[in-house]
Amino acid sequence: MKFVLFSMAVALMTAYGGYLYGKSQARVTTVEKQVEVIKYVAQKRAKIQAQPNANRDKLLELMRSGNL
């Protein structure tokens, strides 16, 4: 009887430990995706700013299309 209770306790602790480990790994993935998005936005911004002499109409067009 004691062995069965001990085995169940070990199984529950192992399952909980696995849950916590998986949860911590998910956070790392989310942070990496956010960094990739920030890099992509910075590259697009630099490309737009490198274009010569953007006038008001062109800037408004880019803003409305979501590129600025």
C-alpha atoms as a PDB file:
ATOM      1  CA  MET A   1       0.000   0.000   0.000  1.00  0.00           C
ATOM      2  CA  LYS A   2       2.813   2.406   0.909  1.00  0.00           C
ATOM      3  CA  PHE A   3       4.612   1.511  -2.309  1.00  0.00           C
ATOM      4  CA  VAL A   4       1.538   2.364  -4.400  1.00  0.00           C
ATOM      5  CA  LEU A   5       1.102   5.744  -2.710  1.00  0.00           C
ATOM      6  CA  PHE A   6       4.803   6.494  -3.073  1.00  0.00           C
ATOM      7  CA  SER A   7       4.704   5.557  -6.776  1.00  0.00           C
ATOM      8  CA  MET A   8       1.688   7.797  -7.373  1.00  0.00           C
ATOM      9  CA  ALA A   9       3.399  10.696  -5.589  1.00  0.00           C
ATOM     10  CA  VAL A  10       6.546  10.263  -7.701  1.00  0.00           C
ATOM     11  CA  ALA A  11       4.472  10.104 -10.892  1.00  0.00           C
ATOM     12  CA  LEU A  12       2.601  13.304  -9.990  1.00  0.00           C
ATOM     13  CA  MET A  13       5.809  15.151  -9.130  1.00  0.00           C
ATOM     14  CA  THR A  14       7.385  14.028 -12.422  1.00  0.00           C
ATOM     15  CA  ALA A  15       4.356  15.174 -14.404  1.00  0.00           C
ATOM     16  CA  TYR A  16       4.372  18.559 -12.654  1.00  0.00           C
ATOM     17  CA  GLY A  17       8.121  18.960 -13.250  1.00  0.00           C
ATOM     18  CA  GLY A  18       7.633  18.192 -16.942  1.00  0.00           C
ATOM     19  CA  TYR A  19       4.834  20.755 -17.110  1.00  0.00           C
ATOM     20  CA  LEU A  20       7.053  23.457 -15.582  1.00  0.00           C
ATOM     21  CA  TYR A  21       9.939  22.576 -17.910  1.00  0.00           C
ATOM     22  CA  GLY A  22       7.684  22.815 -20.977  1.00  0.00           C
ATOM     23  CA  LYS A  23       6.263  26.106 -19.775  1.00  0.00           C
ATOM     24  CA  SER A  24       9.747  27.617 -19.452  1.00  0.00           C
ATOM     25  CA  GLN A  25      10.672  26.457 -22.961  1.00  0.00           C
ATOM     26  CA  ALA A  26       7.543  28.092 -24.393  1.00  0.00           C
ATOM     27  CA  ARG A  27       8.581  31.452 -22.976  1.00  0.00           C
ATOM     28  CA  VAL A  28      11.967  31.239 -24.724  1.00  0.00           C
ATOM     29  CA  THR A  29      10.259  30.596 -28.076  1.00  0.00           C
ATOM     30  CA  THR A  30       7.991  33.610 -27.639  1.00  0.00           C
ATOM     31  CA  VAL A  31      10.920  35.916 -26.865  1.00  0.00           C
ATOM     32  CA  GLU A  32      12.822  34.720 -29.956  1.00  0.00           C
ATOM     33  CA  LYS A  33       9.803  35.428 -32.183  1.00  0.00           C
ATOM     34  CA  GLN A  34       9.438  38.943 -30.756  1.00  0.00           C
ATOM     35  CA  VAL A  35      13.121  39.666 -31.456  1.00  0.00           C
ATOM     36  CA  GLU A  36      12.718  38.464 -35.067  1.00  0.00           C
ATOM     37  CA  VAL A  37       9.720  40.772 -35.570  1.00  0.00           C
ATOM     38  CA  ILE A  38      11.627  43.764 -34.175  1.00  0.00           C
ATOM     39  CA  LYS A  39      14.559  43.059 -36.530  1.00  0.00           C
ATOM     40  CA  TYR A  40      12.190  42.789 -39.511  1.00  0.00           C
ATOM     41  CA  VAL A  41      10.525  46.112 -38.671  1.00  0.00           C
ATOM     42  CA  ALA A  42      13.891  47.819 -38.267  1.00  0.00           C
ATOM     43  CA  GLN A  43      15.022  46.553 -41.679  1.00  0.00           C
ATOM     44  CA  LYS A  44      11.824  47.772 -43.370  1.00  0.00           C
ATOM     45  CA  ARG A  45      12.129  51.177 -41.666  1.00  0.00           C
ATOM     46  CA  ALA A  46      15.750  51.545 -42.802  1.00  0.00           C
ATOM     47  CA  LYS A  47      14.784  50.636 -46.371  1.00  0.00           C
ATOM     48  CA  ILE A  48      12.022  53.260 -46.441  1.00  0.00           C
ATOM     49  CA  GLN A  49      14.240  55.931 -44.883  1.00  0.00           C
ATOM     50  CA  ALA A  50      16.962  55.211 -47.455  1.00  0.00           C
ATOM     51  CA  GLN A  51      14.669  56.246 -50.301  1.00  0.00           C
ATOM     52  CA  PRO A  52      15.581  59.745 -51.475  1.00  0.00           C
ATOM     53  CA  ASN A  53      13.313  62.772 -51.057  1.00  0.00           C
ATOM     54  CA  ALA A  54       9.997  61.217 -50.073  1.00  0.00           C
ATOM     55  CA  ASN A  55       7.309  63.857 -50.443  1.00  0.00           C
ATOM     56  CA  ARG A  56       4.192  64.239 -48.329  1.00  0.00           C
ATOM     57  CA  ASP A  57       1.929  62.295 -50.705  1.00  0.00           C
ATOM     58  CA  LYS A  58       4.331  59.361 -50.873  1.00  0.00           C
ATOM     59  CA  LEU A  59       4.684  59.285 -47.076  1.00  0.00           C
ATOM     60  CA  LEU A  60       0.895  59.337 -46.633  1.00  0.00           C
ATOM     61  CA  GLU A  61       0.531  56.506 -49.150  1.00  0.00           C
ATOM     62  CA  LEU A  62       3.117  54.409 -47.297  1.00  0.00           C
ATOM     63  CA  MET A  63       1.440  55.164 -43.947  1.00  0.00           C
ATOM     64  CA  ARG A  64      -1.984  54.105 -45.211  1.00  0.00           C
ATOM     65  CA  SER A  65      -0.625  50.874 -46.672  1.00  0.00           C
ATOM     66  CA  GLY A  66       0.968  50.024 -43.288  1.00  0.00           C
ATOM     67  CA  ASN A  67       4.591  50.230 -44.444  1.00  0.00           C
ATOM     68  CA  LEU A  68       5.494  53.329 -42.468  1.00  0.00           C
END
